[in-house]
Amino acid sequence: MITQSDDSSIVVANSSGILTYNGSWKFYESPNSTIIRSVKYIDGKIYSGKTQILDFGLKILKVNIHIHQFPENLIFN
């Protein structure tokens, strides 16, 4: 899965984590080595979907991604 951020960076999900590209590649390893199935950039956040897990990462200073896991009991309608 591929998405693009507001600063034109390309964000790619793969089996090992998230890659970003804006002139050079940066790799962010997936917590717990889970396979990332999907990724989407929305309003300054990178959302990633894994098997039964939904995370979001806040892009700070265009160099770091902090991964936050949604609570397991969160219900999406």
PDB file of N, CA and C in Angstrom:
ATOM      1  N   MET A   1       0.849  -1.171   0.000  1.00  0.00           N
ATOM      2  CA  MET A   1       0.000   0.000   0.000  1.00  0.00           C
ATOM      3  C   MET A   1       0.896   1.236   0.000  1.00  0.00           C
ATOM      4  N   ILE A   2       0.486   2.262  -0.729  1.00  0.00           N
ATOM      5  CA  ILE A   2       1.256   3.505  -0.864  1.00  0.00           C
ATOM      6  C   ILE A   2       0.329   4.695  -0.632  1.00  0.00           C
ATOM      7  N   THR A   3       0.850   5.741   0.027  1.00  0.00           N
ATOM      8  CA  THR A   3       0.121   6.994   0.201  1.00  0.00           C
ATOM      9  C   THR A   3       1.130   8.139   0.115  1.00  0.00           C
ATOM     10  N   GLN A   4       0.635   9.374   0.065  1.00  0.00           N
ATOM     11  CA  GLN A   4       1.519  10.532  -0.050  1.00  0.00           C
ATOM     12  C   GLN A   4       1.142  11.559   1.006  1.00  0.00           C
ATOM     13  N   SER A   5       2.162  12.156   1.661  1.00  0.00           N
ATOM     14  CA  SER A   5       1.927  13.142   2.711  1.00  0.00           C
ATOM     15  C   SER A   5       1.812  14.546   2.122  1.00  0.00           C
ATOM     16  N   ASP A   6       1.471  15.507   2.983  1.00  0.00           N
ATOM     17  CA  ASP A   6       1.320  16.895   2.546  1.00  0.00           C
ATOM     18  C   ASP A   6       2.612  17.490   1.999  1.00  0.00           C
ATOM     19  N   ASP A   7       3.765  17.016   2.490  1.00  0.00           N
ATOM     20  CA  ASP A   7       5.049  17.535   2.010  1.00  0.00           C
ATOM     21  C   ASP A   7       5.575  16.745   0.809  1.00  0.00           C
ATOM     22  N   SER A   8       4.687  15.977   0.174  1.00  0.00           N
ATOM     23  CA  SER A   8       4.978  15.176  -1.026  1.00  0.00           C
ATOM     24  C   SER A   8       5.849  13.953  -0.761  1.00  0.00           C
ATOM     25  N   SER A   9       6.072  13.600   0.503  1.00  0.00           N
ATOM     26  CA  SER A   9       6.776  12.356   0.807  1.00  0.00           C
ATOM     27  C   SER A   9       5.900  11.172   0.412  1.00  0.00           C
ATOM     28  N   ILE A  10       6.537  10.133  -0.098  1.00  0.00           N
ATOM     29  CA  ILE A  10       5.848   8.888  -0.405  1.00  0.00           C
ATOM     30  C   ILE A  10       5.956   8.002   0.830  1.00  0.00           C
ATOM     31  N   VAL A  11       4.857   7.395   1.236  1.00  0.00           N
ATOM     32  CA  VAL A  11       4.825   6.514   2.399  1.00  0.00           C
ATOM     33  C   VAL A  11       4.375   5.140   1.922  1.00  0.00           C
ATOM     34  N   VAL A  12       5.191   4.116   2.220  1.00  0.00           N
ATOM     35  CA  VAL A  12       4.947   2.765   1.722  1.00  0.00           C
ATOM     36  C   VAL A  12       4.895   1.797   2.896  1.00  0.00           C
ATOM     37  N   ALA A  13       3.885   0.930   2.909  1.00  0.00           N
ATOM     38  CA  ALA A  13       3.809  -0.143   3.901  1.00  0.00           C
ATOM     39  C   ALA A  13       4.374  -1.410   3.286  1.00  0.00           C
ATOM     40  N   ASN A  14       5.125  -2.166   4.089  1.00  0.00           N
ATOM     41  CA  ASN A  14       5.591  -3.469   3.618  1.00  0.00           C
ATOM     42  C   ASN A  14       5.596  -4.455   4.778  1.00  0.00           C
ATOM     43  N   SER A  15       6.109  -5.639   4.558  1.00  0.00           N
ATOM     44  CA  SER A  15       6.040  -6.686   5.579  1.00  0.00           C
ATOM     45  C   SER A  15       6.933  -6.424   6.787  1.00  0.00           C
ATOM     46  N   SER A  16       7.833  -5.461   6.709  1.00  0.00           N
ATOM     47  CA  SER A  16       8.750  -5.183   7.819  1.00  0.00           C
ATOM     48  C   SER A  16       8.451  -3.875   8.546  1.00  0.00           C
ATOM     49  N   GLY A  17       7.689  -2.970   7.927  1.00  0.00           N
ATOM     50  CA  GLY A  17       7.404  -1.689   8.555  1.00  0.00           C
ATOM     51  C   GLY A  17       6.930  -0.665   7.552  1.00  0.00           C
ATOM     52  N   ILE A  18       7.292   0.596   7.788  1.00  0.00           N
ATOM     53  CA  ILE A  18       6.892   1.707   6.924  1.00  0.00           C
ATOM     54  C   ILE A  18       8.144   2.371   6.371  1.00  0.00           C
ATOM     55  N   LEU A  19       8.132   2.626   5.075  1.00  0.00           N
ATOM     56  CA  LEU A  19       9.213   3.358   4.411  1.00  0.00           C
ATOM     57  C   LEU A  19       8.672   4.705   3.976  1.00  0.00           C
ATOM     58  N   THR A  20       9.491   5.754   4.123  1.00  0.00           N
ATOM     59  CA  THR A  20       9.133   7.062   3.586  1.00  0.00           C
ATOM     60  C   THR A  20      10.220   7.485   2.609  1.00  0.00           C
ATOM     61  N   TYR A  21       9.807   8.223   1.581  1.00  0.00           N
ATOM     62  CA  TYR A  21      10.766   8.700   0.586  1.00  0.00           C
ATOM     63  C   TYR A  21      10.472  10.146   0.241  1.00  0.00           C
ATOM     64  N   ASN A  22      11.479  11.007   0.418  1.00  0.00           N
ATOM     65  CA  ASN A  22      11.420  12.394  -0.016  1.00  0.00           C
ATOM     66  C   ASN A  22      12.847  12.799  -0.395  1.00  0.00           C
ATOM     67  N   GLY A  23      13.383  12.127  -1.405  1.00  0.00           N
ATOM     68  CA  GLY A  23      14.761  12.344  -1.817  1.00  0.00           C
ATOM     69  C   GLY A  23      15.692  11.273  -1.290  1.00  0.00           C
ATOM     70  N   SER A  24      15.343  10.696  -0.150  1.00  0.00           N
ATOM     71  CA  SER A  24      16.074   9.548   0.396  1.00  0.00           C
ATOM     72  C   SER A  24      15.085   8.693   1.192  1.00  0.00           C
ATOM     73  N   TRP A  25      15.414   7.411   1.323  1.00  0.00           N
ATOM     74  CA  TRP A  25      14.537   6.468   2.014  1.00  0.00           C
ATOM     75  C   TRP A  25      14.817   6.470   3.510  1.00  0.00           C
ATOM     76  N   LYS A  26      13.746   6.369   4.299  1.00  0.00           N
ATOM     77  CA  LYS A  26      13.850   6.156   5.746  1.00  0.00           C
ATOM     78  C   LYS A  26      12.944   4.983   6.085  1.00  0.00           C
ATOM     79  N   PHE A  27      13.408   4.132   6.994  1.00  0.00           N
ATOM     80  CA  PHE A  27      12.663   2.938   7.369  1.00  0.00           C
ATOM     81  C   PHE A  27      12.260   3.017   8.833  1.00  0.00           C
ATOM     82  N   TYR A  28      11.002   2.688   9.125  1.00  0.00           N
ATOM     83  CA  TYR A  28      10.479   2.653  10.482  1.00  0.00           C
ATOM     84  C   TYR A  28       9.963   1.243  10.734  1.00  0.00           C
ATOM     85  N   GLU A  29      10.643   0.529  11.627  1.00  0.00           N
ATOM     86  CA  GLU A  29      10.303  -0.870  11.885  1.00  0.00           C
ATOM     87  C   GLU A  29       8.946  -0.990  12.563  1.00  0.00           C
ATOM     88  N   SER A  30       8.203  -2.003  12.172  1.00  0.00           N
ATOM     89  CA  SER A  30       6.901  -2.271  12.754  1.00  0.00           C
ATOM     90  C   SER A  30       7.057  -2.787  14.183  1.00  0.00           C
ATOM     91  N   PRO A  31       6.293  -2.218  15.130  1.00  0.00           N
ATOM     92  CA  PRO A  31       6.354  -2.743  16.498  1.00  0.00           C
ATOM     93  C   PRO A  31       5.935  -4.210  16.514  1.00  0.00           C
ATOM     94  N   ASN A  32       6.569  -4.993  17.313  1.00  0.00           N
ATOM     95  CA  ASN A  32       6.260  -6.422  17.462  1.00  0.00           C
ATOM     96  C   ASN A  32       6.434  -7.211  16.178  1.00  0.00           C
ATOM     97  N   SER A  33       7.112  -6.649  15.192  1.00  0.00           N
ATOM     98  CA  SER A  33       7.378  -7.320  13.907  1.00  0.00           C
ATOM     99  C   SER A  33       6.110  -7.768  13.191  1.00  0.00           C
ATOM    100  N   THR A  34       5.004  -7.059  13.406  1.00  0.00           N
ATOM    101  CA  THR A  34       3.768  -7.404  12.709  1.00  0.00           C
ATOM    102  C   THR A  34       3.813  -6.867  11.285  1.00  0.00           C
ATOM    103  N   ILE A  35       3.169  -7.573  10.379  1.00  0.00           N
ATOM    104  CA  ILE A  35       3.144  -7.184   8.969  1.00  0.00           C
ATOM    105  C   ILE A  35       2.123  -6.070   8.778  1.00  0.00           C
ATOM    106  N   ILE A  36       2.549  -4.966   8.174  1.00  0.00           N
ATOM    107  CA  ILE A  36       1.648  -3.851   7.900  1.00  0.00           C
ATOM    108  C   ILE A  36       0.941  -4.124   6.578  1.00  0.00           C
ATOM    109  N   ARG A  37      -0.388  -4.130   6.617  1.00  0.00           N
ATOM    110  CA  ARG A  37      -1.200  -4.446   5.441  1.00  0.00           C
ATOM    111  C   ARG A  37      -1.597  -3.205   4.646  1.00  0.00           C
ATOM    112  N   SER A  38      -1.740  -2.064   5.337  1.00  0.00           N
ATOM    113  CA  SER A  38      -2.196  -0.857   4.647  1.00  0.00           C
ATOM    114  C   SER A  38      -1.647   0.377   5.350  1.00  0.00           C
ATOM    115  N   VAL A  39      -1.613   1.491   4.606  1.00  0.00           N
ATOM    116  CA  VAL A  39      -1.136   2.758   5.161  1.00  0.00           C
ATOM    117  C   VAL A  39      -1.877   3.896   4.463  1.00  0.00           C
ATOM    118  N   LYS A  40      -2.213   4.942   5.230  1.00  0.00           N
ATOM    119  CA  LYS A  40      -2.917   6.095   4.666  1.00  0.00           C
ATOM    120  C   LYS A  40      -2.518   7.336   5.448  1.00  0.00           C
ATOM    121  N   TYR A  41      -2.172   8.410   4.735  1.00  0.00           N
ATOM    122  CA  TYR A  41      -1.821   9.693   5.340  1.00  0.00           C
ATOM    123  C   TYR A  41      -3.065  10.571   5.334  1.00  0.00           C
ATOM    124  N   ILE A  42      -3.479  11.040   6.526  1.00  0.00           N
ATOM    125  CA  ILE A  42      -4.655  11.909   6.646  1.00  0.00           C
ATOM    126  C   ILE A  42      -4.362  12.972   7.699  1.00  0.00           C
ATOM    127  N   ASP A  43      -4.447  14.244   7.316  1.00  0.00           N
ATOM    128  CA  ASP A  43      -4.338  15.371   8.253  1.00  0.00           C
ATOM    129  C   ASP A  43      -3.126  15.275   9.187  1.00  0.00           C
ATOM    130  N   GLY A  44      -1.948  15.038   8.627  1.00  0.00           N
ATOM    131  CA  GLY A  44      -0.732  15.027   9.423  1.00  0.00           C
ATOM    132  C   GLY A  44      -0.442  13.745  10.168  1.00  0.00           C
ATOM    133  N   LYS A  45      -1.283  12.734   9.987  1.00  0.00           N
ATOM    134  CA  LYS A  45      -1.079  11.454  10.653  1.00  0.00           C
ATOM    135  C   LYS A  45      -0.944  10.349   9.615  1.00  0.00           C
ATOM    136  N   ILE A  46      -0.129   9.355   9.931  1.00  0.00           N
ATOM    137  CA  ILE A  46       0.002   8.172   9.090  1.00  0.00           C
ATOM    138  C   ILE A  46      -0.713   7.034   9.804  1.00  0.00           C
ATOM    139  N   TYR A  47      -1.795   6.535   9.205  1.00  0.00           N
ATOM    140  CA  TYR A  47      -2.542   5.416   9.763  1.00  0.00           C
ATOM    141  C   TYR A  47      -2.060   4.137   9.102  1.00  0.00           C
ATOM    142  N   SER A  48      -1.806   3.106   9.908  1.00  0.00           N
ATOM    143  CA  SER A  48      -1.384   1.827   9.345  1.00  0.00           C
ATOM    144  C   SER A  48      -2.283   0.730   9.879  1.00  0.00           C
ATOM    145  N   GLY A  49      -2.623  -0.190   8.999  1.00  0.00           N
ATOM    146  CA  GLY A  49      -3.453  -1.321   9.384  1.00  0.00           C
ATOM    147  C   GLY A  49      -2.639  -2.596   9.353  1.00  0.00           C
ATOM    148  N   LYS A  50      -2.770  -3.359  10.419  1.00  0.00           N
ATOM    149  CA  LYS A  50      -2.114  -4.659  10.513  1.00  0.00           C
ATOM    150  C   LYS A  50      -3.201  -5.686  10.769  1.00  0.00           C
ATOM    151  N   THR A  51      -2.847  -6.919  10.829  1.00  0.00           N
ATOM    152  CA  THR A  51      -3.832  -7.948  11.115  1.00  0.00           C
ATOM    153  C   THR A  51      -4.433  -7.689  12.490  1.00  0.00           C
ATOM    154  N   GLN A  52      -5.700  -7.296  12.536  1.00  0.00           N
ATOM    155  CA  GLN A  52      -6.478  -7.024  13.742  1.00  0.00           C
ATOM    156  C   GLN A  52      -5.944  -5.863  14.581  1.00  0.00           C
ATOM    157  N   ILE A  53      -5.096  -4.993  14.011  1.00  0.00           N
ATOM    158  CA  ILE A  53      -4.547  -3.847  14.752  1.00  0.00           C
ATOM    159  C   ILE A  53      -4.601  -2.611  13.856  1.00  0.00           C
ATOM    160  N   LEU A  54      -4.987  -1.463  14.413  1.00  0.00           N
ATOM    161  CA  LEU A  54      -4.938  -0.193  13.694  1.00  0.00           C
ATOM    162  C   LEU A  54      -4.086   0.770  14.502  1.00  0.00           C
ATOM    163  N   ASP A  55      -3.049   1.316  13.896  1.00  0.00           N
ATOM    164  CA  ASP A  55      -2.137   2.253  14.547  1.00  0.00           C
ATOM    165  C   ASP A  55      -2.181   3.591  13.833  1.00  0.00           C
ATOM    166  N   PHE A  56      -1.675   4.614  14.491  1.00  0.00           N
ATOM    167  CA  PHE A  56      -1.419   5.858  13.786  1.00  0.00           C
ATOM    168  C   PHE A  56      -0.095   6.416  14.262  1.00  0.00           C
ATOM    169  N   GLY A  57       0.595   7.060  13.346  1.00  0.00           N
ATOM    170  CA  GLY A  57       1.880   7.667  13.679  1.00  0.00           C
ATOM    171  C   GLY A  57       1.824   9.155  13.402  1.00  0.00           C
ATOM    172  N   LEU A  58       2.328   9.937  14.314  1.00  0.00           N
ATOM    173  CA  LEU A  58       2.387  11.379  14.117  1.00  0.00           C
ATOM    174  C   LEU A  58       3.734  11.724  13.512  1.00  0.00           C
ATOM    175  N   LYS A  59       3.728  12.434  12.414  1.00  0.00           N
ATOM    176  CA  LYS A  59       4.977  12.809  11.765  1.00  0.00           C
ATOM    177  C   LYS A  59       5.445  14.121  12.380  1.00  0.00           C
ATOM    178  N   ILE A  60       6.565  14.082  13.070  1.00  0.00           N
ATOM    179  CA  ILE A  60       7.073  15.249  13.790  1.00  0.00           C
ATOM    180  C   ILE A  60       8.402  15.674  13.183  1.00  0.00           C
ATOM    181  N   LEU A  61       8.526  16.949  12.839  1.00  0.00           N
ATOM    182  CA  LEU A  61       9.733  17.520  12.242  1.00  0.00           C
ATOM    183  C   LEU A  61      10.163  16.785  10.979  1.00  0.00           C
ATOM    184  N   LYS A  62       9.242  16.093  10.351  1.00  0.00           N
ATOM    185  CA  LYS A  62       9.475  15.400   9.083  1.00  0.00           C
ATOM    186  C   LYS A  62      10.596  14.360   9.158  1.00  0.00           C
ATOM    187  N   VAL A  63      10.984  13.944  10.355  1.00  0.00           N
ATOM    188  CA  VAL A  63      12.037  12.923  10.455  1.00  0.00           C
ATOM    189  C   VAL A  63      11.661  11.762  11.374  1.00  0.00           C
ATOM    190  N   ASN A  64      10.717  11.944  12.272  1.00  0.00           N
ATOM    191  CA  ASN A  64      10.379  10.885  13.218  1.00  0.00           C
ATOM    192  C   ASN A  64       8.920  10.487  13.085  1.00  0.00           C
ATOM    193  N   ILE A  65       8.667   9.232  13.280  1.00  0.00           N
ATOM    194  CA  ILE A  65       7.293   8.747  13.352  1.00  0.00           C
ATOM    195  C   ILE A  65       7.141   8.048  14.698  1.00  0.00           C
ATOM    196  N   HIS A  66       6.186   8.482  15.478  1.00  0.00           N
ATOM    197  CA  HIS A  66       5.903   7.857  16.763  1.00  0.00           C
ATOM    198  C   HIS A  66       4.663   6.989  16.584  1.00  0.00           C
ATOM    199  N   ILE A  67       4.762   5.718  16.911  1.00  0.00           N
ATOM    200  CA  ILE A  67       3.666   4.780  16.704  1.00  0.00           C
ATOM    201  C   ILE A  67       2.800   4.723  17.957  1.00  0.00           C
ATOM    202  N   HIS A  68       1.497   4.842  17.781  1.00  0.00           N
ATOM    203  CA  HIS A  68       0.523   4.743  18.861  1.00  0.00           C
ATOM    204  C   HIS A  68      -0.503   3.695  18.454  1.00  0.00           C
ATOM    205  N   GLN A  69      -0.788   2.766  19.343  1.00  0.00           N
ATOM    206  CA  GLN A  69      -1.775   1.739  19.032  1.00  0.00           C
ATOM    207  C   GLN A  69      -3.115   2.133  19.625  1.00  0.00           C
ATOM    208  N   PHE A  70      -4.182   2.003  18.817  1.00  0.00           N
ATOM    209  CA  PHE A  70      -5.515   2.259  19.325  1.00  0.00           C
ATOM    210  C   PHE A  70      -5.874   1.182  20.349  1.00  0.00           C
ATOM    211  N   PRO A  71      -6.725   1.497  21.326  1.00  0.00           N
ATOM    212  CA  PRO A  71      -7.147   0.485  22.301  1.00  0.00           C
ATOM    213  C   PRO A  71      -7.837  -0.685  21.604  1.00  0.00           C
ATOM    214  N   GLU A  72      -7.642  -1.889  22.135  1.00  0.00           N
ATOM    215  CA  GLU A  72      -8.219  -3.081  21.522  1.00  0.00           C
ATOM    216  C   GLU A  72      -9.741  -3.055  21.527  1.00  0.00           C
ATOM    217  N   ASN A  73     -10.354  -2.387  22.507  1.00  0.00           N
ATOM    218  CA  ASN A  73     -11.811  -2.379  22.609  1.00  0.00           C
ATOM    219  C   ASN A  73     -12.463  -1.245  21.820  1.00  0.00           C
ATOM    220  N   LEU A  74     -11.693  -0.506  21.030  1.00  0.00           N
ATOM    221  CA  LEU A  74     -12.233   0.585  20.226  1.00  0.00           C
ATOM    222  C   LEU A  74     -13.084   0.015  19.104  1.00  0.00           C
ATOM    223  N   ILE A  75     -14.299   0.523  18.956  1.00  0.00           N
ATOM    224  CA  ILE A  75     -15.235   0.024  17.944  1.00  0.00           C
ATOM    225  C   ILE A  75     -15.335   1.044  16.822  1.00  0.00           C
ATOM    226  N   PHE A  76     -15.137   0.592  15.583  1.00  0.00           N
ATOM    227  CA  PHE A  76     -15.266   1.444  14.404  1.00  0.00           C
ATOM    228  C   PHE A  76     -16.606   1.153  13.743  1.00  0.00           C
ATOM    229  N   ASN A  77     -17.372   2.190  13.485  1.00  0.00           N
ATOM    230  CA  ASN A  77     -18.675   2.011  12.825  1.00  0.00           C
ATOM    231  C   ASN A  77     -18.562   2.263  11.359  1.00  0.00           C
TER     232      ASN A  77
END
